[in-house]
Amino acid sequence: MAPTLCSGQLVQSRPLARSSSGERLRGKIVAFRHPLRPGAIYIKRVTGLPGEHVALNKGVVEVNGAALAEPYLPKGTETPALGATQWVNDTDEIFVMGDNRADSEDSRRFGPVPLSLMVGQVSFRWWPPGMLK
């Protein structure tokens, strides 16, 4: 999640808050249980909501055919494909990606994440104090 979050920082999460459309989750940072590694908790950003089609097209993330605005990423950031380039989320799944797109194990590797694996939405980072921006 660098540069947004760095290894060793502690964060606090709260239960997910979703509207009926789920739109309030887009762009939020969430903690979830890794779908393939029992016991591992990952922190990533929500890029695709339930029922959406997510695709990678020449380094650009597209949702339902439109380029996704990602103001939290440094300008010029490209999103490399790590195998598949298209996914369709079920009605109970979200698509997550790390902010460090060149080095992130995320939904590009393990696919959409079931909402049942969500731990919560990261509300703030608080430790160590010297790493706060």
Foldseek 3Di string as FASTA:
>chain_A
DPPVDDPPWDFDFDADDADPQRVVQAQFWFWFADPVDGPDIDIFGFHFAAFWKWFFDQQFIDINRHTDDHPVADPPHGADQPPDGMATHHRQWTFTWHNVRVDTDGCSPVNTDGVVGTPGTTDGIDPDPVSDD
